[in-house]
């Protein structure tokens, strides 16, 4: 791992997104945030899975530092008649950034939606996962949505 011992502790934040093409059939069901499959409530379960993934990022990605996460905001919205957008923002006061945690949270939330809805349709596609913003540390980054 990279030695971060000499770095200053700063407030850091990262936001990542995952865009998922779910198709009209699934979107029509998900438009009601209370939609449940046999596995349970879809969005609520995916949010919990994404938060758990943020906390376990260092166990999944070999060179990531284990971090004391200050906060995670994860939201899932129906974008239009075919797409879902997932946003994951992670906050920390530390010596290293939280980009990987935000990306992992958004990705696992998307995978959870897929898993919970695959009995309805397997035509879903996770189209894009990307970092939108990173603040703190040496440089700030803000990318277009």
N, C-alpha and C. Protein backbone atom coordinates (compact mmCIF):
# COMPACT_ATOMS: atom_id res chain seq x y z
N UNK A 1 0.85 -1.19 0.00
CA UNK A 1 0.00 0.00 0.00
C UNK A 1 0.88 1.24 0.00
N UNK A 2 0.34 2.31 -0.47
CA UNK A 2 1.04 3.58 -0.47
C UNK A 2 1.12 4.09 0.97
N UNK A 3 2.27 4.59 1.37
CA UNK A 3 2.46 5.12 2.72
C UNK A 3 1.85 6.52 2.78
N UNK A 4 0.79 6.67 3.58
CA UNK A 4 0.12 7.96 3.72
C UNK A 4 0.44 8.60 5.07
N UNK A 5 1.42 8.03 5.79
CA UNK A 5 1.76 8.51 7.13
C UNK A 5 2.15 9.97 7.19
N UNK A 6 2.79 10.48 6.15
CA UNK A 6 3.23 11.87 6.16
C UNK A 6 2.20 12.86 5.66
N UNK A 7 1.07 12.37 5.19
CA UNK A 7 0.03 13.27 4.66
C UNK A 7 -0.75 13.93 5.80
N UNK A 8 -1.30 15.11 5.50
CA UNK A 8 -2.15 15.80 6.46
C UNK A 8 -3.55 15.20 6.44
N UNK A 9 -4.16 15.19 7.62
CA UNK A 9 -5.55 14.78 7.72
C UNK A 9 -6.42 15.92 7.22
N UNK A 10 -7.28 15.64 6.24
CA UNK A 10 -8.20 16.66 5.71
C UNK A 10 -9.58 16.04 5.53
N UNK A 11 -10.57 16.91 5.39
CA UNK A 11 -11.92 16.45 5.05
C UNK A 11 -11.91 16.08 3.58
N UNK A 12 -12.41 14.89 3.30
CA UNK A 12 -12.42 14.39 1.93
C UNK A 12 -13.81 13.84 1.61
N UNK A 13 -14.17 13.96 0.35
CA UNK A 13 -15.48 13.49 -0.09
C UNK A 13 -15.38 13.05 -1.54
N UNK A 14 -16.11 12.02 -1.89
CA UNK A 14 -16.18 11.58 -3.28
C UNK A 14 -17.61 11.16 -3.60
N UNK A 15 -18.03 11.46 -4.82
CA UNK A 15 -19.35 11.04 -5.30
C UNK A 15 -19.16 10.28 -6.60
N UNK A 16 -19.79 9.11 -6.66
CA UNK A 16 -19.77 8.28 -7.87
C UNK A 16 -21.20 7.98 -8.28
N UNK A 17 -21.35 7.62 -9.53
CA UNK A 17 -22.67 7.26 -10.04
C UNK A 17 -22.60 5.96 -10.83
N UNK A 18 -23.70 5.25 -10.84
CA UNK A 18 -23.89 4.09 -11.71
C UNK A 18 -25.20 4.31 -12.44
N UNK A 19 -25.18 4.15 -13.74
CA UNK A 19 -26.39 4.27 -14.56
C UNK A 19 -26.73 2.88 -15.05
N UNK A 20 -27.99 2.54 -14.87
CA UNK A 20 -28.42 1.19 -15.19
C UNK A 20 -29.61 1.25 -16.14
N UNK A 21 -29.52 0.53 -17.25
CA UNK A 21 -30.67 0.39 -18.14
C UNK A 21 -31.45 -0.82 -17.66
N UNK A 22 -32.63 -0.55 -17.14
CA UNK A 22 -33.45 -1.63 -16.58
C UNK A 22 -34.57 -2.05 -17.52
N UNK A 23 -34.94 -1.18 -18.42
CA UNK A 23 -36.03 -1.49 -19.34
C UNK A 23 -37.37 -1.05 -18.78
N UNK A 24 -38.31 -0.85 -19.68
CA UNK A 24 -39.62 -0.31 -19.30
C UNK A 24 -40.39 -1.22 -18.35
N UNK A 25 -40.28 -2.52 -18.53
CA UNK A 25 -41.02 -3.46 -17.69
C UNK A 25 -40.61 -3.31 -16.22
N UNK A 26 -39.33 -3.29 -15.98
CA UNK A 26 -38.84 -3.17 -14.60
C UNK A 26 -39.07 -1.76 -14.07
N UNK A 27 -38.80 -0.75 -14.90
CA UNK A 27 -39.00 0.64 -14.46
C UNK A 27 -40.44 0.88 -14.05
N UNK A 28 -41.39 0.30 -14.78
CA UNK A 28 -42.79 0.51 -14.42
C UNK A 28 -43.08 -0.02 -13.01
N UNK A 29 -42.39 -1.08 -12.61
CA UNK A 29 -42.55 -1.62 -11.27
C UNK A 29 -41.77 -0.81 -10.23
N UNK A 30 -40.56 -0.36 -10.62
CA UNK A 30 -39.70 0.37 -9.68
C UNK A 30 -40.13 1.81 -9.46
N UNK A 31 -40.98 2.33 -10.32
CA UNK A 31 -41.44 3.71 -10.15
C UNK A 31 -42.10 3.90 -8.80
N UNK A 32 -42.63 2.84 -8.25
CA UNK A 32 -43.16 2.85 -6.89
C UNK A 32 -42.00 2.41 -5.99
N UNK A 33 -41.44 3.33 -5.22
CA UNK A 33 -40.26 3.04 -4.40
C UNK A 33 -40.49 1.88 -3.43
N UNK A 34 -41.71 1.48 -3.23
CA UNK A 34 -42.01 0.40 -2.29
C UNK A 34 -42.05 -0.96 -2.99
N UNK A 35 -41.68 -1.02 -4.28
CA UNK A 35 -41.75 -2.27 -5.03
C UNK A 35 -40.90 -3.34 -4.36
N UNK A 36 -41.49 -4.52 -4.18
CA UNK A 36 -40.80 -5.64 -3.56
C UNK A 36 -40.80 -6.83 -4.50
N UNK A 37 -39.70 -7.55 -4.50
CA UNK A 37 -39.64 -8.85 -5.19
C UNK A 37 -39.69 -9.91 -4.09
N UNK A 38 -39.53 -11.17 -4.48
CA UNK A 38 -39.49 -12.23 -3.48
C UNK A 38 -38.32 -12.06 -2.52
N UNK A 39 -37.31 -11.32 -2.96
CA UNK A 39 -36.12 -11.09 -2.13
C UNK A 39 -36.29 -9.88 -1.21
N UNK A 40 -37.36 -9.10 -1.38
CA UNK A 40 -37.60 -7.95 -0.51
C UNK A 40 -37.70 -6.65 -1.29
N UNK A 41 -37.69 -5.52 -0.57
CA UNK A 41 -37.80 -4.20 -1.21
C UNK A 41 -36.53 -3.87 -1.99
N UNK A 42 -36.67 -3.58 -3.27
CA UNK A 42 -35.53 -3.46 -4.18
C UNK A 42 -34.62 -2.29 -3.82
N UNK A 43 -35.13 -1.08 -3.85
CA UNK A 43 -34.26 0.08 -3.63
C UNK A 43 -33.68 0.09 -2.22
N UNK A 44 -34.50 -0.21 -1.24
CA UNK A 44 -34.01 -0.20 0.15
C UNK A 44 -32.89 -1.22 0.35
N UNK A 45 -33.05 -2.40 -0.22
CA UNK A 45 -32.03 -3.44 -0.10
C UNK A 45 -30.75 -3.03 -0.83
N UNK A 46 -30.90 -2.44 -2.01
CA UNK A 46 -29.73 -2.00 -2.78
C UNK A 46 -28.97 -0.89 -2.06
N UNK A 47 -29.69 -0.01 -1.38
CA UNK A 47 -29.03 1.05 -0.61
C UNK A 47 -28.22 0.44 0.53
N UNK A 48 -28.80 -0.50 1.24
CA UNK A 48 -28.08 -1.15 2.33
C UNK A 48 -26.85 -1.89 1.79
N UNK A 49 -27.00 -2.59 0.68
CA UNK A 49 -25.87 -3.32 0.08
C UNK A 49 -24.75 -2.36 -0.33
N UNK A 50 -25.12 -1.22 -0.91
CA UNK A 50 -24.12 -0.23 -1.32
C UNK A 50 -23.35 0.32 -0.13
N UNK A 51 -24.07 0.60 0.96
CA UNK A 51 -23.41 1.10 2.17
C UNK A 51 -22.48 0.04 2.75
N UNK A 52 -22.93 -1.20 2.79
CA UNK A 52 -22.06 -2.29 3.26
C UNK A 52 -20.81 -2.40 2.39
N UNK A 53 -20.96 -2.25 1.09
CA UNK A 53 -19.83 -2.34 0.17
C UNK A 53 -18.81 -1.24 0.44
N UNK A 54 -19.30 -0.02 0.70
CA UNK A 54 -18.40 1.09 1.03
C UNK A 54 -17.52 0.69 2.21
N UNK A 55 -18.13 0.13 3.23
CA UNK A 55 -17.41 -0.24 4.45
C UNK A 55 -16.43 -1.39 4.23
N UNK A 56 -16.63 -2.19 3.18
CA UNK A 56 -15.78 -3.36 2.93
C UNK A 56 -14.83 -3.18 1.75
N UNK A 57 -14.71 -1.97 1.23
CA UNK A 57 -13.89 -1.73 0.04
C UNK A 57 -12.46 -2.22 0.21
N UNK A 58 -11.85 -1.96 1.35
CA UNK A 58 -10.45 -2.38 1.57
C UNK A 58 -10.30 -3.90 1.55
N UNK A 59 -11.37 -4.63 1.83
CA UNK A 59 -11.32 -6.09 1.77
C UNK A 59 -11.46 -6.60 0.33
N UNK A 60 -12.06 -5.79 -0.53
CA UNK A 60 -12.30 -6.19 -1.91
C UNK A 60 -11.19 -5.77 -2.87
N UNK A 61 -10.61 -4.61 -2.64
CA UNK A 61 -9.59 -4.05 -3.54
C UNK A 61 -8.26 -4.07 -2.78
N UNK A 62 -7.32 -4.87 -3.23
CA UNK A 62 -6.14 -5.20 -2.45
C UNK A 62 -5.33 -4.03 -1.87
N UNK A 63 -5.14 -2.95 -2.58
CA UNK A 63 -4.25 -1.88 -2.10
C UNK A 63 -4.98 -0.71 -1.46
N UNK A 64 -6.27 -0.84 -1.22
CA UNK A 64 -7.04 0.23 -0.56
C UNK A 64 -6.79 0.18 0.95
N UNK A 65 -6.68 1.35 1.55
CA UNK A 65 -6.53 1.45 2.99
C UNK A 65 -7.88 1.23 3.67
N UNK A 66 -7.90 0.51 4.80
CA UNK A 66 -9.14 0.47 5.59
C UNK A 66 -9.39 1.86 6.18
N UNK A 67 -10.59 2.35 6.07
CA UNK A 67 -10.88 3.72 6.47
C UNK A 67 -12.00 3.77 7.49
N UNK A 68 -11.95 4.79 8.33
CA UNK A 68 -13.04 5.09 9.26
C UNK A 68 -13.97 6.07 8.54
N UNK A 69 -15.02 5.55 7.96
CA UNK A 69 -15.96 6.35 7.16
C UNK A 69 -16.80 7.22 8.08
N UNK A 70 -16.88 8.51 7.75
CA UNK A 70 -17.72 9.43 8.53
C UNK A 70 -19.17 9.40 8.08
N UNK A 71 -19.41 9.18 6.79
CA UNK A 71 -20.79 9.17 6.31
C UNK A 71 -20.90 8.65 4.89
N UNK A 72 -22.04 8.06 4.60
CA UNK A 72 -22.37 7.58 3.26
C UNK A 72 -23.79 8.01 2.94
N UNK A 73 -23.95 8.65 1.80
CA UNK A 73 -25.28 8.98 1.28
C UNK A 73 -25.43 8.23 -0.03
N UNK A 74 -26.41 7.35 -0.10
CA UNK A 74 -26.63 6.57 -1.32
C UNK A 74 -28.09 6.72 -1.71
N UNK A 75 -28.31 7.12 -2.96
CA UNK A 75 -29.68 7.29 -3.43
C UNK A 75 -29.85 6.62 -4.78
N UNK A 76 -31.07 6.16 -5.01
CA UNK A 76 -31.42 5.52 -6.28
C UNK A 76 -32.68 6.20 -6.79
N UNK A 77 -32.63 6.63 -8.04
CA UNK A 77 -33.79 7.29 -8.62
C UNK A 77 -34.09 6.71 -10.00
N UNK A 78 -35.34 6.72 -10.36
CA UNK A 78 -35.75 6.36 -11.70
C UNK A 78 -35.53 7.60 -12.56
N UNK A 79 -34.65 7.48 -13.55
CA UNK A 79 -34.28 8.62 -14.39
C UNK A 79 -35.34 8.88 -15.46
N UNK A 80 -35.79 7.82 -16.11
CA UNK A 80 -36.81 7.92 -17.15
C UNK A 80 -37.45 6.55 -17.35
N UNK A 81 -38.07 6.32 -18.47
CA UNK A 81 -38.82 5.08 -18.67
C UNK A 81 -37.94 3.84 -18.82
N UNK A 82 -36.62 4.01 -18.88
CA UNK A 82 -35.75 2.85 -19.05
C UNK A 82 -34.55 2.82 -18.11
N UNK A 83 -34.23 3.94 -17.48
CA UNK A 83 -32.97 4.03 -16.74
C UNK A 83 -33.13 4.35 -15.25
N UNK A 84 -32.19 3.82 -14.48
CA UNK A 84 -32.06 4.10 -13.05
C UNK A 84 -30.70 4.76 -12.85
N UNK A 85 -30.65 5.74 -11.94
CA UNK A 85 -29.38 6.37 -11.57
C UNK A 85 -29.13 6.13 -10.09
N UNK A 86 -27.90 5.77 -9.79
CA UNK A 86 -27.49 5.53 -8.41
C UNK A 86 -26.37 6.52 -8.11
N UNK A 87 -26.48 7.21 -6.99
CA UNK A 87 -25.44 8.14 -6.55
C UNK A 87 -24.95 7.72 -5.18
N UNK A 88 -23.63 7.67 -5.02
CA UNK A 88 -23.03 7.30 -3.75
C UNK A 88 -21.99 8.35 -3.37
N UNK A 89 -22.22 9.01 -2.25
CA UNK A 89 -21.28 10.01 -1.72
C UNK A 89 -20.72 9.50 -0.41
N UNK A 90 -19.39 9.53 -0.30
CA UNK A 90 -18.71 9.04 0.90
C UNK A 90 -17.88 10.18 1.46
N UNK A 91 -17.94 10.33 2.80
CA UNK A 91 -17.21 11.40 3.50
C UNK A 91 -16.28 10.80 4.54
N UNK A 92 -15.14 11.46 4.71
CA UNK A 92 -14.14 11.02 5.69
C UNK A 92 -13.30 12.22 6.09
N UNK A 93 -12.73 12.14 7.26
CA UNK A 93 -11.66 13.04 7.65
C UNK A 93 -10.45 12.13 7.80
N UNK A 94 -9.52 12.20 6.84
CA UNK A 94 -8.42 11.26 6.84
C UNK A 94 -7.28 11.69 5.95
N UNK A 95 -6.38 10.73 5.70
CA UNK A 95 -5.15 10.98 4.95
C UNK A 95 -5.19 10.44 3.53
N UNK A 96 -6.26 9.79 3.17
CA UNK A 96 -6.40 9.26 1.82
C UNK A 96 -7.85 9.42 1.36
N UNK A 97 -8.03 9.44 0.05
CA UNK A 97 -9.34 9.72 -0.52
C UNK A 97 -10.31 8.55 -0.44
N UNK A 98 -11.55 8.83 -0.82
CA UNK A 98 -12.62 7.83 -0.74
C UNK A 98 -13.28 7.57 -2.10
N UNK A 99 -12.50 7.80 -3.18
CA UNK A 99 -13.06 7.55 -4.52
C UNK A 99 -13.43 6.08 -4.71
N UNK A 100 -12.55 5.19 -4.29
CA UNK A 100 -12.82 3.76 -4.49
C UNK A 100 -14.03 3.31 -3.69
N UNK A 101 -14.21 3.88 -2.51
CA UNK A 101 -15.38 3.53 -1.69
C UNK A 101 -16.66 3.99 -2.37
N UNK A 102 -16.67 5.20 -2.93
CA UNK A 102 -17.86 5.70 -3.61
C UNK A 102 -18.17 4.87 -4.86
N UNK A 103 -17.14 4.54 -5.63
CA UNK A 103 -17.33 3.71 -6.83
C UNK A 103 -17.83 2.32 -6.47
N UNK A 104 -17.28 1.75 -5.41
CA UNK A 104 -17.70 0.41 -4.97
C UNK A 104 -19.15 0.43 -4.49
N UNK A 105 -19.52 1.45 -3.73
CA UNK A 105 -20.90 1.55 -3.23
C UNK A 105 -21.91 1.65 -4.36
N UNK A 106 -21.62 2.50 -5.35
CA UNK A 106 -22.54 2.66 -6.48
C UNK A 106 -22.64 1.36 -7.29
N UNK A 107 -21.52 0.70 -7.49
CA UNK A 107 -21.50 -0.53 -8.27
C UNK A 107 -22.27 -1.66 -7.59
N UNK A 108 -22.03 -1.85 -6.31
CA UNK A 108 -22.71 -2.94 -5.60
C UNK A 108 -24.21 -2.66 -5.48
N UNK A 109 -24.59 -1.41 -5.34
CA UNK A 109 -26.02 -1.08 -5.33
C UNK A 109 -26.65 -1.47 -6.68
N UNK A 110 -25.97 -1.17 -7.78
CA UNK A 110 -26.48 -1.55 -9.11
C UNK A 110 -26.56 -3.06 -9.26
N UNK A 111 -25.53 -3.76 -8.81
CA UNK A 111 -25.56 -5.23 -8.87
C UNK A 111 -26.70 -5.80 -8.05
N UNK A 112 -27.01 -5.16 -6.94
CA UNK A 112 -28.10 -5.64 -6.09
C UNK A 112 -29.45 -5.44 -6.77
N UNK A 113 -29.64 -4.29 -7.42
CA UNK A 113 -30.88 -4.09 -8.19
C UNK A 113 -31.00 -5.17 -9.25
N UNK A 114 -29.90 -5.44 -9.95
CA UNK A 114 -29.92 -6.50 -10.97
C UNK A 114 -30.32 -7.83 -10.35
N UNK A 115 -29.68 -8.20 -9.26
CA UNK A 115 -29.96 -9.48 -8.61
C UNK A 115 -31.42 -9.59 -8.18
N UNK A 116 -31.96 -8.51 -7.67
CA UNK A 116 -33.32 -8.55 -7.15
C UNK A 116 -34.38 -8.54 -8.25
N UNK A 117 -34.00 -8.05 -9.43
CA UNK A 117 -34.97 -7.94 -10.53
C UNK A 117 -34.76 -8.94 -11.65
N UNK A 118 -33.73 -9.78 -11.56
CA UNK A 118 -33.43 -10.70 -12.66
C UNK A 118 -34.52 -11.73 -12.92
N UNK A 119 -35.37 -11.99 -11.93
CA UNK A 119 -36.47 -12.92 -12.17
C UNK A 119 -37.55 -12.30 -13.07
N UNK A 120 -37.56 -10.98 -13.15
CA UNK A 120 -38.52 -10.28 -14.02
C UNK A 120 -37.96 -10.16 -15.43
N UNK A 121 -36.68 -9.78 -15.52
CA UNK A 121 -36.03 -9.63 -16.83
C UNK A 121 -34.52 -9.66 -16.63
N UNK A 122 -33.84 -10.32 -17.54
CA UNK A 122 -32.37 -10.33 -17.50
C UNK A 122 -31.80 -9.44 -18.60
N UNK A 123 -32.61 -8.53 -19.10
CA UNK A 123 -32.17 -7.60 -20.14
C UNK A 123 -31.56 -6.33 -19.56
N UNK A 124 -31.35 -6.30 -18.25
CA UNK A 124 -30.77 -5.12 -17.61
C UNK A 124 -29.28 -5.01 -17.94
N UNK A 125 -28.80 -3.77 -17.99
CA UNK A 125 -27.38 -3.52 -18.25
C UNK A 125 -26.90 -2.40 -17.33
N UNK A 126 -25.78 -2.64 -16.67
CA UNK A 126 -25.13 -1.56 -15.93
C UNK A 126 -24.27 -0.84 -16.97
N UNK A 127 -24.72 0.36 -17.36
CA UNK A 127 -24.14 1.06 -18.50
C UNK A 127 -22.87 1.81 -18.16
N UNK A 128 -22.84 2.41 -16.99
CA UNK A 128 -21.73 3.31 -16.70
C UNK A 128 -21.56 3.44 -15.19
N UNK A 129 -20.33 3.36 -14.76
CA UNK A 129 -19.97 3.66 -13.38
C UNK A 129 -18.82 4.65 -13.47
N UNK A 130 -18.96 5.79 -12.80
CA UNK A 130 -17.88 6.78 -12.88
C UNK A 130 -17.86 7.69 -11.66
N UNK A 131 -16.69 8.25 -11.42
CA UNK A 131 -16.51 9.25 -10.39
C UNK A 131 -17.04 10.57 -10.90
N UNK A 132 -17.84 11.25 -10.10
CA UNK A 132 -18.36 12.56 -10.48
C UNK A 132 -17.59 13.69 -9.81
N UNK A 133 -17.18 13.46 -8.57
CA UNK A 133 -16.54 14.56 -7.83
C UNK A 133 -15.68 13.99 -6.71
N UNK A 134 -14.57 14.67 -6.47
CA UNK A 134 -13.67 14.34 -5.36
C UNK A 134 -13.16 15.65 -4.78
N UNK A 135 -13.27 15.80 -3.48
CA UNK A 135 -12.73 16.99 -2.82
C UNK A 135 -11.84 16.57 -1.66
N UNK A 136 -10.91 17.45 -1.31
CA UNK A 136 -9.96 17.18 -0.24
C UNK A 136 -8.67 16.62 -0.78
N UNK A 137 -7.65 16.62 0.02
CA UNK A 137 -6.36 16.14 -0.45
C UNK A 137 -5.68 17.18 -1.32
N UNK A 138 -4.79 16.71 -2.21
CA UNK A 138 -4.01 17.62 -3.06
C UNK A 138 -4.85 18.36 -4.09
N UNK A 139 -5.85 17.69 -4.64
CA UNK A 139 -6.61 18.32 -5.73
C UNK A 139 -8.08 17.95 -5.65
N UNK A 140 -8.90 18.83 -6.16
CA UNK A 140 -10.33 18.58 -6.28
C UNK A 140 -10.63 18.25 -7.74
N UNK A 141 -11.60 17.39 -7.96
CA UNK A 141 -12.00 16.98 -9.30
C UNK A 141 -13.51 17.05 -9.39
N UNK A 142 -14.03 17.67 -10.43
CA UNK A 142 -15.47 17.66 -10.70
C UNK A 142 -15.64 17.34 -12.17
N UNK A 143 -16.31 16.22 -12.43
CA UNK A 143 -16.51 15.76 -13.79
C UNK A 143 -17.96 15.99 -14.21
N UNK A 144 -18.23 16.12 -15.51
CA UNK A 144 -19.63 16.31 -15.94
C UNK A 144 -20.45 15.05 -15.68
N UNK A 145 -21.73 15.25 -15.38
CA UNK A 145 -22.64 14.11 -15.12
C UNK A 145 -22.87 13.30 -16.33
